[in-house]
């Protein structure tokens, strides 16, 4: 399946394709849990312990009602869909789990792992962002193409991906629920790692609102602009002083020009160039 075909399929199309329904030539088989390898494209890294325990209790009483989907590989089975059921079954001390074996390529595995989680249970914003990145990398999609596929706006996808640029310390706080998507989006607009961490700590300690942090970020940017402007003024002043110094020392016939952050010297003859070389060597 080529990229264009993958892009055209919407979220609902993909979910419909992967409803747990036994197709012709397929059967549900019991597979040893020890032989199942997690999907490397699985975005979820944090699982609600209480929710898993409830699912585990249900499985212990009623069994696994919905089979998982796996792909046969050389050293076992690669999990395509159903990681929560696998984890809960292990908690219930089951040795096997009902499964349907299907053959998918890596692009499809990445997409299904993302879409299964979007459909069934909210990811943390960090897991969601990592999932988006996995699909974008695997399928060579633009932010807009992915947004259209999952029914989100391009800005939503871009803002989510921007969170991955934050320092690990801040990402940990996001995963813990101490910093919201709104806070994270504002923090991702800053470049200074230490400053981002400091502001994030302030957000947690003082329980700042998203509006508060937006104002803080604006102040930070304004300070940088003022500082940059001051540096530029000083730099320009130094350039013109250097220009006057060269004119006086070299006795040049052509004017020394200042252009942005450059000094432009046009030599009329070799003697003028030699005078500059002598001046530099003397210094």
Protein backbone atom coordinates (compact mmCIF):
# COMPACT_ATOMS: atom_id res chain seq x y z
CA UNK A 1 0.00 0.00 0.00
CA UNK A 2 1.54 3.32 -1.04
CA UNK A 3 1.63 6.58 0.87
CA UNK A 4 -1.27 8.18 -1.01
CA UNK A 5 -3.52 5.21 -0.27
CA UNK A 6 -2.58 5.33 3.41
CA UNK A 7 -3.31 9.07 3.59
CA UNK A 8 -6.75 8.71 2.01
CA UNK A 9 -7.92 6.28 4.70
CA UNK A 10 -9.53 8.12 7.59
CA UNK A 11 -9.51 7.12 11.24
CA UNK A 12 -12.93 5.48 10.92
CA UNK A 13 -11.81 3.53 7.82
CA UNK A 14 -8.87 2.06 9.70
CA UNK A 15 -10.86 1.24 12.79
CA UNK A 16 -13.49 -0.50 10.70
CA UNK A 17 -10.77 -2.52 8.94
CA UNK A 18 -9.48 -3.71 12.31
CA UNK A 19 -12.67 -4.60 14.14
CA UNK A 20 -12.11 -7.95 15.83
CA UNK A 21 -13.99 -10.06 13.36
CA UNK A 22 -12.83 -13.46 12.20
CA UNK A 23 -12.31 -13.40 8.45
CA UNK A 24 -12.18 -16.32 6.05
CA UNK A 25 -9.17 -18.58 6.65
CA UNK A 26 -8.71 -17.00 10.11
CA UNK A 27 -9.20 -18.59 13.49
CA UNK A 28 -8.77 -17.63 17.11
CA UNK A 29 -5.85 -19.50 18.65
CA UNK A 30 -4.46 -19.58 22.18
CA UNK A 31 -0.94 -18.14 22.29
CA UNK A 32 1.49 -18.27 25.19
CA UNK A 33 1.82 -14.82 26.74
CA UNK A 34 5.56 -15.40 27.17
CA UNK A 35 5.96 -15.56 23.38
CA UNK A 36 4.27 -12.20 22.72
CA UNK A 37 6.58 -9.26 22.01
CA UNK A 38 5.26 -5.69 22.51
CA UNK A 39 4.66 -3.60 19.41
CA UNK A 40 7.66 -1.19 19.07
CA UNK A 41 5.25 1.38 17.64
CA UNK A 42 2.99 1.22 20.70
CA UNK A 43 2.78 4.81 21.96
CA UNK A 44 1.44 4.00 25.42
CA UNK A 45 4.11 3.76 28.10
CA UNK A 46 1.96 4.52 31.15
CA UNK A 47 -0.98 2.30 32.09
CA UNK A 48 -3.51 3.14 34.81
CA UNK A 49 -2.84 0.55 37.53
CA UNK A 50 -6.37 0.69 38.93
CA UNK A 51 -7.94 0.27 35.49
CA UNK A 52 -5.61 -2.66 34.74
CA UNK A 53 -6.55 -4.32 38.04
CA UNK A 54 -10.26 -3.97 37.22
CA UNK A 55 -9.68 -5.50 33.79
CA UNK A 56 -7.57 -8.25 35.36
CA UNK A 57 -10.35 -9.10 37.84
CA UNK A 58 -12.86 -9.24 34.98
CA UNK A 59 -10.57 -11.51 32.93
CA UNK A 60 -10.01 -13.77 35.94
CA UNK A 61 -13.77 -14.23 36.26
CA UNK A 62 -14.89 -14.20 32.62
CA UNK A 63 -11.78 -14.86 30.55
CA UNK A 64 -10.57 -12.70 27.66
CA UNK A 65 -13.73 -11.94 25.69
CA UNK A 66 -12.05 -10.12 22.80
CA UNK A 67 -8.99 -11.71 21.14
CA UNK A 68 -5.83 -9.72 20.62
CA UNK A 69 -4.23 -9.30 17.19
CA UNK A 70 -0.66 -10.46 16.60
CA UNK A 71 1.80 -10.85 13.74
CA UNK A 72 3.91 -14.02 13.48
CA UNK A 73 7.65 -13.30 13.60
CA UNK A 74 10.72 -15.53 13.81
CA UNK A 75 11.04 -15.49 17.60
CA UNK A 76 7.37 -15.39 18.60
CA UNK A 77 4.45 -13.06 18.00
CA UNK A 78 4.49 -9.29 17.62
CA UNK A 79 1.56 -7.63 19.39
CA UNK A 80 -0.51 -5.47 17.05
CA UNK A 81 -3.53 -4.64 19.21
CA UNK A 82 -4.51 -5.52 22.76
CA UNK A 83 -1.63 -4.62 25.08
CA UNK A 84 -3.94 -3.83 28.01
CA UNK A 85 -5.57 -7.25 27.65
CA UNK A 86 -2.12 -8.88 27.63
CA UNK A 87 -0.98 -7.03 30.74
CA UNK A 88 -4.24 -7.71 32.56
CA UNK A 89 -4.07 -11.41 31.61
CA UNK A 90 -0.56 -11.63 33.04
CA UNK A 91 -1.81 -9.97 36.25
CA UNK A 92 -4.56 -12.60 36.35
CA UNK A 93 -1.77 -15.22 36.07
CA UNK A 94 -3.03 -16.57 32.76
CA UNK A 95 -0.46 -18.43 30.67
CA UNK A 96 -2.19 -18.04 27.30
CA UNK A 97 -4.47 -15.55 25.56
CA UNK A 98 -6.83 -15.88 22.56
CA UNK A 99 -5.41 -14.22 19.46
CA UNK A 100 -5.94 -13.68 15.76
CA UNK A 101 -2.78 -13.89 13.64
CA UNK A 102 -2.56 -11.33 10.84
CA UNK A 103 0.25 -10.11 8.60
CA UNK A 104 0.96 -6.36 8.65
CA UNK A 105 3.89 -4.24 7.48
CA UNK A 106 5.66 -1.74 9.75
CA UNK A 107 3.69 1.27 8.47
CA UNK A 108 0.46 -0.47 9.24
CA UNK A 109 1.68 -1.59 12.68
CA UNK A 110 2.52 2.01 13.61
CA UNK A 111 -0.82 3.26 12.40
CA UNK A 112 -2.91 0.58 14.09
CA UNK A 113 -1.07 1.00 17.42
CA UNK A 114 -1.85 4.73 17.37
CA UNK A 115 -5.43 4.41 16.21
CA UNK A 116 -6.33 1.64 18.64
CA UNK A 117 -5.26 3.82 21.54
CA UNK A 118 -6.95 6.96 20.24
CA UNK A 119 -10.19 5.01 19.96
CA UNK A 120 -10.17 3.17 23.27
CA UNK A 121 -8.36 5.19 25.92
CA UNK A 122 -6.79 8.63 26.18
CA UNK A 123 -3.01 8.75 25.87
CA UNK A 124 -1.01 11.23 27.89
CA UNK A 125 -0.16 14.19 25.69
CA UNK A 126 3.50 13.05 25.60
CA UNK A 127 2.53 9.53 24.48
CA UNK A 128 0.18 11.06 21.92
CA UNK A 129 2.98 13.26 20.57
CA UNK A 130 5.38 10.30 20.36
CA UNK A 131 2.68 8.29 18.59
CA UNK A 132 2.21 11.07 16.05
CA UNK A 133 5.97 11.18 15.47
CA UNK A 134 6.10 7.40 14.97
CA UNK A 135 3.37 7.49 12.34
CA UNK A 136 4.84 10.56 10.60
CA UNK A 137 8.26 8.88 10.43
CA UNK A 138 6.92 5.46 9.39
CA UNK A 139 4.56 6.79 6.74
CA UNK A 140 6.48 9.91 5.67
CA UNK A 141 3.48 12.16 6.37
CA UNK A 142 3.29 15.92 6.83
CA UNK A 143 1.61 17.37 9.92
CA UNK A 144 -1.41 18.27 7.79
CA UNK A 145 -1.70 14.79 6.28
CA UNK A 146 -1.68 13.17 9.72
CA UNK A 147 -4.15 15.75 11.05
CA UNK A 148 -6.60 14.97 8.24
CA UNK A 149 -6.23 11.25 8.88
CA UNK A 150 -7.03 11.41 12.61
CA UNK A 151 -9.59 14.22 12.48
CA UNK A 152 -7.48 16.87 14.23
CA UNK A 153 -6.34 20.32 13.13
CA UNK A 154 -2.81 20.79 11.79
CA UNK A 155 -2.04 23.21 14.63
CA UNK A 156 -3.12 20.59 17.20
CA UNK A 157 -0.71 18.03 15.74
CA UNK A 158 2.12 20.58 15.46
CA UNK A 159 1.61 21.79 19.04
CA UNK A 160 1.61 18.22 20.32
CA UNK A 161 4.86 17.43 18.49
CA UNK A 162 6.40 20.64 19.83
CA UNK A 163 6.13 19.22 23.34
CA UNK A 164 8.77 16.61 22.49
CA UNK A 165 11.35 19.41 22.33
CA UNK A 166 10.89 20.15 26.05
CA UNK A 167 13.52 19.01 28.59
CA UNK A 168 13.03 15.51 30.02
CA UNK A 169 12.42 16.96 33.49
CA UNK A 170 9.42 18.88 32.17
CA UNK A 171 8.15 15.92 30.13
CA UNK A 172 8.19 13.83 33.33
CA UNK A 173 6.00 16.44 35.04
CA UNK A 174 3.59 16.37 32.10
CA UNK A 175 3.34 12.58 32.38
CA UNK A 176 2.65 12.95 36.10
CA UNK A 177 -0.20 15.35 35.34
CA UNK A 178 1.48 18.31 37.04
CA UNK A 179 1.70 20.33 33.82
CA UNK A 180 -1.15 20.54 31.31
CA UNK A 181 -1.12 20.60 27.52
CA UNK A 182 -1.75 24.36 27.65
CA UNK A 183 1.24 24.95 29.93
CA UNK A 184 3.42 22.67 27.82
CA UNK A 185 2.44 24.41 24.59
CA UNK A 186 3.48 27.78 26.02
CA UNK A 187 6.74 26.39 27.41
CA UNK A 188 7.64 24.85 24.05
CA UNK A 189 7.85 28.36 22.58
CA UNK A 190 10.95 29.06 24.68
CA UNK A 191 14.45 27.92 23.69
CA UNK A 192 16.45 28.20 26.93
CA UNK A 193 16.36 24.78 28.63
CA UNK A 194 17.23 26.03 32.12
CA UNK A 195 14.64 28.79 31.91
CA UNK A 196 11.97 26.33 30.75
CA UNK A 197 12.69 24.07 33.74
CA UNK A 198 12.59 27.02 36.14
CA UNK A 199 9.26 28.28 34.80
CA UNK A 200 7.83 24.75 34.90
CA UNK A 201 8.78 24.48 38.57
CA UNK A 202 7.07 27.82 39.21
CA UNK A 203 3.94 26.55 37.45
CA UNK A 204 3.80 23.56 39.80
CA UNK A 205 4.71 25.37 43.02
CA UNK A 206 2.44 28.38 42.52
CA UNK A 207 -0.27 26.56 40.54
CA UNK A 208 -0.07 29.07 37.72
CA UNK A 209 -2.81 29.12 35.08
CA UNK A 210 -2.12 28.81 31.36
CA UNK A 211 -2.82 32.54 31.08
CA UNK A 212 -0.17 33.23 33.75
CA UNK A 213 2.44 31.21 31.92
CA UNK A 214 1.59 32.83 28.58
CA UNK A 215 2.32 36.21 30.17
CA UNK A 216 5.59 34.88 31.60
CA UNK A 217 6.66 33.59 28.19
CA UNK A 218 5.81 36.92 26.57
CA UNK A 219 7.94 38.73 29.16
CA UNK A 220 10.82 36.33 28.53
CA UNK A 221 10.66 36.96 24.79
CA UNK A 222 10.44 40.72 25.30
CA UNK A 223 13.52 40.66 27.55
CA UNK A 224 15.45 38.76 24.87
CA UNK A 225 14.34 41.20 22.17
CA UNK A 226 15.45 44.17 24.27
CA UNK A 227 18.78 42.50 25.04
CA UNK A 228 19.28 41.63 21.38
CA UNK A 229 18.45 45.20 20.40
CA UNK A 230 20.97 46.54 22.91
CA UNK A 231 23.63 44.19 21.58
CA UNK A 232 22.89 45.30 18.02
CA UNK A 233 23.21 48.98 18.95
CA UNK A 234 26.56 48.39 20.65
CA UNK A 235 27.76 46.26 17.75
CA UNK A 236 26.84 48.91 15.17
CA UNK A 237 28.61 51.54 17.23
CA UNK A 238 31.76 49.40 17.30
CA UNK A 239 31.56 48.86 13.54
CA UNK A 240 31.47 52.57 12.78
CA UNK A 241 34.31 53.26 15.21
CA UNK A 242 36.36 50.54 13.51
CA UNK A 243 35.52 52.04 10.13
CA UNK A 244 36.82 55.47 11.21
CA UNK A 245 39.92 53.88 12.69
CA UNK A 246 40.72 52.07 9.43
CA UNK A 247 40.20 55.17 7.31
CA UNK A 248 42.57 57.18 9.50
CA UNK A 249 45.22 54.48 9.74
CA UNK A 250 45.19 53.28 6.14
CA UNK A 251 44.62 56.56 4.32
CA UNK A 252 42.33 54.82 1.83
CA UNK A 253 41.04 56.61 -1.25
CA UNK A 254 37.80 54.60 -1.34
CA UNK A 255 35.28 54.82 1.48
CA UNK A 256 35.01 51.97 3.98
CA UNK A 257 31.35 50.94 4.02
CA UNK A 258 29.24 49.47 6.79
CA UNK A 259 26.56 47.01 5.67
CA UNK A 260 24.52 45.26 8.35
CA UNK A 261 27.17 43.36 10.34
CA UNK A 262 29.92 43.75 7.73
CA UNK A 263 32.75 46.16 7.02
CA UNK A 264 33.42 46.45 3.29
CA UNK A 265 36.86 47.67 2.24
CA UNK A 266 37.61 48.35 -1.42
CA UNK A 267 41.33 48.62 -2.12
CA UNK A 268 42.49 50.97 -4.86
CA UNK A 269 45.92 49.36 -5.16
CA UNK A 270 48.31 46.84 -3.60
CA UNK A 271 49.88 49.49 -1.39
CA UNK A 272 46.61 50.01 0.43
CA UNK A 273 46.28 46.27 1.01
CA UNK A 274 49.86 46.11 2.28
CA UNK A 275 49.12 48.92 4.76
CA UNK A 276 46.21 46.88 6.15
CA UNK A 277 48.40 43.79 6.45
CA UNK A 278 51.06 45.79 8.26
CA UNK A 279 48.44 47.21 10.61
CA UNK A 280 47.11 43.74 11.44
CA UNK A 281 50.57 42.27 11.91
CA UNK A 282 51.51 45.17 14.13
CA UNK A 283 48.55 44.47 16.36
